[in-house]
Structure formats: C-alpha cells, structure tokens
C-alpha cells in the first residue's frame, strides 16, 4: 500500500505515538473537570498471561496481560489521564497520582468496585475529593456460553467512600462507553483475534495515537466539537497533518 518497508512504517508510528504522548502530557493540565469516571480495560502483549512460558518471559519481559487505566471527564468527554501497566497497586497509585496532578479543583470521582482504588485515591487526594464506587453484582455465567458471554449483571450498588458524592452522578456509563470505543477503533483491543501487539512499545504508541485523535481530531457526536475544544485546551479541530507535525521538521517522514 505504501511502497515502504513495514518496519519503517511501524517505527514511524512508534515515534509519532511518543510525540503524541509527550504533547498530551503537557496539554492535559489544570483541567476544570467536575465529574470524572475511571476504569481499566484488558488486553495482552505477545501472549495471554496463561500462555507465557518461562522462555517467553525471559525473552519478552512485557509478555502477558496488559491493562490500560483510563479517566474520562463526564461532561466534556475528555480523556484526562491514562496509564498502561499491570492491574496492581503500583499501577493504581501511579494512575491516580497522575490524574490528581492534572485537575484544577475538587472533583467527584466514580470508579468500579476494584479495591486498589481505595488506597490509591486516599494517597493522592486525601479528603479533598468526593469519591464513590459503583459495585456490580454478577450472577453465574450463561449456560453453554461461558467463553463468549459475560456473566449477568444483577445489580449496581453505589457506595460513597470519601466526601459527599452526588448520588445522581455515581456512574461509570461514560467510561464504559469509552472502553467500547477503544475496542472498536483499536484492532489490538479486539477480543478473540490475532491482532494483538508483539511489542509493548507498539501497544503504547497505538493508545497514544488513539487518544490524540480522540481528544483533538474527532468531533464528538453529542458535543459537536472535540473534547479538547469543549474543555478549552484547543480552539480548533486538529487535522491529521497537524498531528504528524508533532514529530518536528527534522524527522524523516
């Protein structure tokens, strides 16, 4: 399609992903968010965790399950913060610390029932937050469909953790819809395919490119502007050429 080596294109995309990540890190600061939702989305690199042998682990340290921690502003639909890592206390702490450093004022935060958030939020925000969790109660897997269908959600129980979160806004609907957007628009996140990344660098670059496009280049259907324009960190719709220009004039495109 491009009459260029596949490795050359891959290297260009990894470099562009790094440039997008750097720009987002600088741009997403002092955000006037009021209601934020967080979640984690699963994928894997090189092989699923259960298939990682000692030999694979020795040659590809990043092989196995990879989780993307994501925070979205419920009002502007801006992706405020994201982190790629494991689903462990260290990743939870780093993710919430990064989110806290990007917000301009006190917010209402909603997460799922993952207990890792409790310590992470307390350590990063202290009492300066209205924090709640939406705990989902699941039933048994559908008979005969255990591999392809999720367990039935029987109930959602809102639980206030810190401060005085408004019960009307204890929700994870927007972040869950964002997870669907990721799976639909990034082939690496499609389930039951061979489209996964073999290198963690490629995986991270793909996510950075996705969020750059989502925040700055894609008009949100309900907002009629981009999330970056809605929150006030951009005054125009970015073009793909403008994103590519983040590589700088010396980069051989």
Protein backbone atom coordinates (compact mmCIF):
# COMPACT_ATOMS: atom_id res chain seq x y z
CA UNK A 1 0.00 0.00 0.00
CA UNK A 2 2.77 2.46 0.87
CA UNK A 3 5.66 1.03 -1.18
CA UNK A 4 7.68 1.34 2.02
CA UNK A 5 9.03 -1.31 4.37
CA UNK A 6 6.56 -2.40 7.06
CA UNK A 7 9.24 -1.91 9.71
CA UNK A 8 9.76 1.68 8.56
CA UNK A 9 6.06 2.42 8.92
CA UNK A 10 5.97 0.75 12.34
CA UNK A 11 8.96 2.78 13.54
CA UNK A 12 7.31 5.98 12.29
CA UNK A 13 4.10 5.17 14.17
CA UNK A 14 6.03 4.41 17.37
CA UNK A 15 7.87 7.73 17.08
CA UNK A 16 4.61 9.56 16.40
CA UNK A 17 2.98 7.82 19.36
CA UNK A 18 5.78 9.05 21.61
CA UNK A 19 5.35 12.58 20.27
CA UNK A 20 1.59 12.44 20.89
CA UNK A 21 2.15 11.13 24.41
CA UNK A 22 4.56 13.98 25.12
CA UNK A 23 2.12 16.57 23.80
CA UNK A 24 -0.81 15.15 25.77
CA UNK A 25 1.30 15.12 28.92
CA UNK A 26 1.96 18.85 28.53
CA UNK A 27 -1.53 19.85 27.35
CA UNK A 28 -3.69 17.96 29.82
CA UNK A 29 -3.01 20.13 32.87
CA UNK A 30 -5.08 22.41 35.11
CA UNK A 31 -8.25 20.78 33.78
CA UNK A 32 -11.56 22.28 35.03
CA UNK A 33 -13.26 18.90 35.38
CA UNK A 34 -16.05 18.39 37.90
CA UNK A 35 -17.09 14.76 37.40
CA UNK A 36 -14.53 12.09 36.48
CA UNK A 37 -15.01 8.37 35.86
CA UNK A 38 -12.22 5.77 35.86
CA UNK A 39 -11.92 2.18 34.69
CA UNK A 40 -9.38 -0.38 33.47
CA UNK A 41 -9.53 -2.20 30.13
CA UNK A 42 -7.77 -5.51 29.48
CA UNK A 43 -5.58 -6.55 26.58
CA UNK A 44 -2.36 -8.51 26.21
CA UNK A 45 1.07 -8.26 24.64
CA UNK A 46 2.76 -11.12 22.74
CA UNK A 47 0.75 -13.81 24.58
CA UNK A 48 -2.02 -14.08 27.14
CA UNK A 49 -0.82 -14.41 30.71
CA UNK A 50 -1.77 -18.07 30.94
CA UNK A 51 0.32 -18.86 27.85
CA UNK A 52 3.51 -17.07 28.93
CA UNK A 53 6.18 -19.72 29.46
CA UNK A 54 9.46 -19.22 31.28
CA UNK A 55 11.23 -18.96 27.92
CA UNK A 56 8.83 -16.27 26.67
CA UNK A 57 9.10 -14.35 29.94
CA UNK A 58 12.89 -14.38 29.68
CA UNK A 59 12.95 -13.06 26.10
CA UNK A 60 9.88 -10.78 26.20
CA UNK A 61 9.54 -9.27 29.69
CA UNK A 62 6.39 -7.37 28.71
CA UNK A 63 4.55 -10.51 27.55
CA UNK A 64 1.23 -11.23 29.21
CA UNK A 65 -1.80 -9.29 30.34
CA UNK A 66 -1.69 -5.52 29.87
CA UNK A 67 -4.21 -3.15 31.46
CA UNK A 68 -4.96 0.40 30.35
CA UNK A 69 -6.18 2.62 33.19
CA UNK A 70 -8.34 5.46 31.84
CA UNK A 71 -10.03 8.56 33.28
CA UNK A 72 -12.74 10.48 31.40
CA UNK A 73 -14.43 13.80 32.16
CA UNK A 74 -18.16 13.01 32.21
CA UNK A 75 -19.09 16.50 30.96
CA UNK A 76 -16.58 17.22 28.20
CA UNK A 77 -15.79 13.56 27.39
CA UNK A 78 -12.08 14.43 27.52
CA UNK A 79 -9.65 11.63 28.33
CA UNK A 80 -7.88 13.28 31.26
CA UNK A 81 -5.30 10.63 32.06
CA UNK A 82 -4.29 7.12 31.05
CA UNK A 83 -1.64 4.62 32.03
CA UNK A 84 -0.55 1.27 30.60
CA UNK A 85 0.61 -1.33 33.09
CA UNK A 86 -0.46 -4.20 35.27
CA UNK A 87 -3.59 -4.35 37.38
CA UNK A 88 -1.72 -3.94 40.64
CA UNK A 89 -1.29 -1.41 43.48
CA UNK A 90 1.71 0.28 41.82
CA UNK A 91 -0.17 0.98 38.59
CA UNK A 92 -3.25 2.13 40.52
CA UNK A 93 -1.17 4.54 42.58
CA UNK A 94 0.71 5.96 39.58
CA UNK A 95 -2.51 6.38 37.59
CA UNK A 96 -4.43 8.18 40.32
CA UNK A 97 -1.42 10.37 41.18
CA UNK A 98 -1.17 11.42 37.55
CA UNK A 99 -4.90 12.15 37.40
CA UNK A 100 -4.78 14.21 40.61
CA UNK A 101 -1.95 16.32 39.22
CA UNK A 102 -3.98 17.27 36.15
CA UNK A 103 -7.12 18.56 37.88
CA UNK A 104 -7.66 22.22 38.76
CA UNK A 105 -10.10 21.72 41.62
CA UNK A 106 -12.08 19.23 43.71
CA UNK A 107 -13.98 16.66 41.65
CA UNK A 108 -16.47 13.88 42.08
CA UNK A 109 -14.78 10.62 41.14
CA UNK A 110 -16.51 7.33 40.36
CA UNK A 111 -14.75 4.01 39.80
CA UNK A 112 -15.82 0.40 39.71
CA UNK A 113 -15.53 -1.75 42.81
CA UNK A 114 -11.82 -2.52 42.40
CA UNK A 115 -10.30 -2.26 45.89
CA UNK A 116 -6.99 -0.97 44.54
CA UNK A 117 -8.63 2.42 44.04
CA UNK A 118 -9.33 2.87 47.75
CA UNK A 119 -5.69 3.22 48.81
CA UNK A 120 -4.66 5.00 45.61
CA UNK A 121 -7.35 7.69 45.87
CA UNK A 122 -6.74 8.26 49.56
CA UNK A 123 -2.99 8.60 48.98
CA UNK A 124 -3.35 11.07 46.10
CA UNK A 125 -6.40 13.13 47.07
CA UNK A 126 -6.76 12.65 50.81
CA UNK A 127 -10.07 14.16 51.87
CA UNK A 128 -10.12 16.68 49.00
CA UNK A 129 -12.43 14.64 46.78
CA UNK A 130 -15.96 13.30 46.56
CA UNK A 131 -15.28 9.66 45.80
CA UNK A 132 -17.73 6.83 45.20
CA UNK A 133 -17.58 3.31 43.78
CA UNK A 134 -20.23 1.57 41.70
CA UNK A 135 -20.07 -2.07 42.71
CA UNK A 136 -21.63 -4.50 40.25
CA UNK A 137 -23.16 -7.76 41.45
CA UNK A 138 -22.88 -10.58 38.92
CA UNK A 139 -24.69 -13.87 38.60
CA UNK A 140 -23.45 -17.11 37.06
CA UNK A 141 -22.17 -17.34 33.50
CA UNK A 142 -24.90 -18.08 30.93
CA UNK A 143 -25.23 -21.81 30.46
CA UNK A 144 -23.31 -23.03 27.43
CA UNK A 145 -21.88 -19.56 26.67
CA UNK A 146 -19.18 -19.23 29.31
CA UNK A 147 -16.45 -18.35 26.85
CA UNK A 148 -18.19 -15.67 24.81
CA UNK A 149 -20.80 -14.06 27.04
CA UNK A 150 -20.19 -12.08 30.24
CA UNK A 151 -21.84 -13.01 33.47
CA UNK A 152 -25.24 -11.42 34.03
CA UNK A 153 -25.15 -8.17 36.00
CA UNK A 154 -27.82 -8.47 38.67
CA UNK A 155 -27.41 -5.11 40.37
CA UNK A 156 -25.25 -1.98 40.73
CA UNK A 157 -24.64 -0.80 44.25
CA UNK A 158 -23.35 2.80 44.67
CA UNK A 159 -21.08 3.25 47.68
CA UNK A 160 -19.85 6.63 48.91
CA UNK A 161 -16.22 6.36 50.05
CA UNK A 162 -14.95 9.91 50.68
CA UNK A 163 -16.68 13.28 50.89
CA UNK A 164 -20.25 13.79 49.74
CA UNK A 165 -20.62 12.46 46.18
CA UNK A 166 -23.91 13.33 44.48
CA UNK A 167 -25.87 10.05 44.13
CA UNK A 168 -27.23 11.21 40.74
CA UNK A 169 -23.71 11.25 39.31
CA UNK A 170 -22.35 8.00 40.74
CA UNK A 171 -21.97 6.31 37.38
CA UNK A 172 -19.41 4.60 35.15
CA UNK A 173 -21.52 4.77 31.98
CA UNK A 174 -19.25 7.18 30.10
CA UNK A 175 -16.02 5.36 30.85
CA UNK A 176 -17.59 2.03 29.92
CA UNK A 177 -18.75 3.52 26.63
CA UNK A 178 -15.21 4.78 26.13
CA UNK A 179 -13.96 1.22 26.58
CA UNK A 180 -16.21 0.18 23.70
CA UNK A 181 -14.78 3.00 21.58
CA UNK A 182 -11.28 1.66 22.26
CA UNK A 183 -12.19 -1.88 21.27
CA UNK A 184 -13.96 -0.67 18.12
CA UNK A 185 -11.23 1.71 16.95
CA UNK A 186 -8.03 -0.08 18.00
CA UNK A 187 -7.57 -3.51 16.47
CA UNK A 188 -5.23 -4.54 19.29
CA UNK A 189 -8.16 -4.46 21.70
CA UNK A 190 -10.49 -6.66 19.67
CA UNK A 191 -11.15 -9.90 21.51
CA UNK A 192 -10.51 -13.40 20.14
CA UNK A 193 -8.29 -12.30 17.24
CA UNK A 194 -4.59 -12.40 16.36
CA UNK A 195 -4.35 -8.60 16.15
CA UNK A 196 -2.52 -8.17 19.45
CA UNK A 197 0.78 -6.28 19.77
CA UNK A 198 4.00 -8.27 19.97
CA UNK A 199 5.92 -5.34 21.47
CA UNK A 200 4.72 -3.20 24.36
CA UNK A 201 6.20 -0.12 22.64
CA UNK A 202 3.85 -0.63 19.69
CA UNK A 203 0.90 -1.15 22.04
CA UNK A 204 1.58 2.06 23.98
CA UNK A 205 2.13 4.05 20.78
CA UNK A 206 -1.19 2.85 19.40
CA UNK A 207 -3.01 4.04 22.53
CA UNK A 208 -1.28 7.43 22.46
CA UNK A 209 -2.27 7.93 18.82
CA UNK A 210 -5.84 6.91 19.62
CA UNK A 211 -6.19 9.41 22.47
CA UNK A 212 -4.58 12.21 20.48
CA UNK A 213 -7.10 11.63 17.70
CA UNK A 214 -9.99 11.18 20.14
CA UNK A 215 -9.26 14.35 22.15
CA UNK A 216 -8.21 16.69 19.34
CA UNK A 217 -9.25 15.37 15.89
CA UNK A 218 -12.61 13.66 16.29
CA UNK A 219 -15.82 15.67 16.70
CA UNK A 220 -17.90 14.14 19.46
CA UNK A 221 -21.42 13.34 18.27
CA UNK A 222 -23.20 14.94 21.22
CA UNK A 223 -20.80 17.84 21.82
CA UNK A 224 -20.46 18.84 18.13
CA UNK A 225 -16.85 19.78 18.91
CA UNK A 226 -13.81 17.83 20.04
CA UNK A 227 -13.38 17.10 23.76
CA UNK A 228 -10.25 19.31 23.75
CA UNK A 229 -12.27 22.22 22.36
CA UNK A 230 -15.06 21.63 24.87
CA UNK A 231 -12.69 21.72 27.84
CA UNK A 232 -10.82 24.75 26.47
CA UNK A 233 -7.34 23.43 25.69
CA UNK A 234 -7.78 23.75 21.92
CA UNK A 235 -9.54 26.35 19.77
CA UNK A 236 -9.87 24.35 16.56
CA UNK A 237 -10.32 20.92 15.05
CA UNK A 238 -6.93 19.30 14.53
CA UNK A 239 -6.09 17.69 11.19
CA UNK A 240 -4.05 14.53 10.77
CA UNK A 241 -1.30 16.64 9.20
CA UNK A 242 -1.18 18.74 12.35
CA UNK A 243 -0.79 15.63 14.48
CA UNK A 244 2.03 14.38 12.25
CA UNK A 245 3.75 17.76 12.60
CA UNK A 246 4.34 16.93 16.27
CA UNK A 247 7.26 14.83 15.05
CA UNK A 248 9.12 18.05 14.21
CA UNK A 249 10.77 19.26 10.99
CA UNK A 250 13.88 17.10 11.33
CA UNK A 251 12.05 13.80 11.46
CA UNK A 252 12.29 11.97 8.11
CA UNK A 253 8.59 11.40 7.27
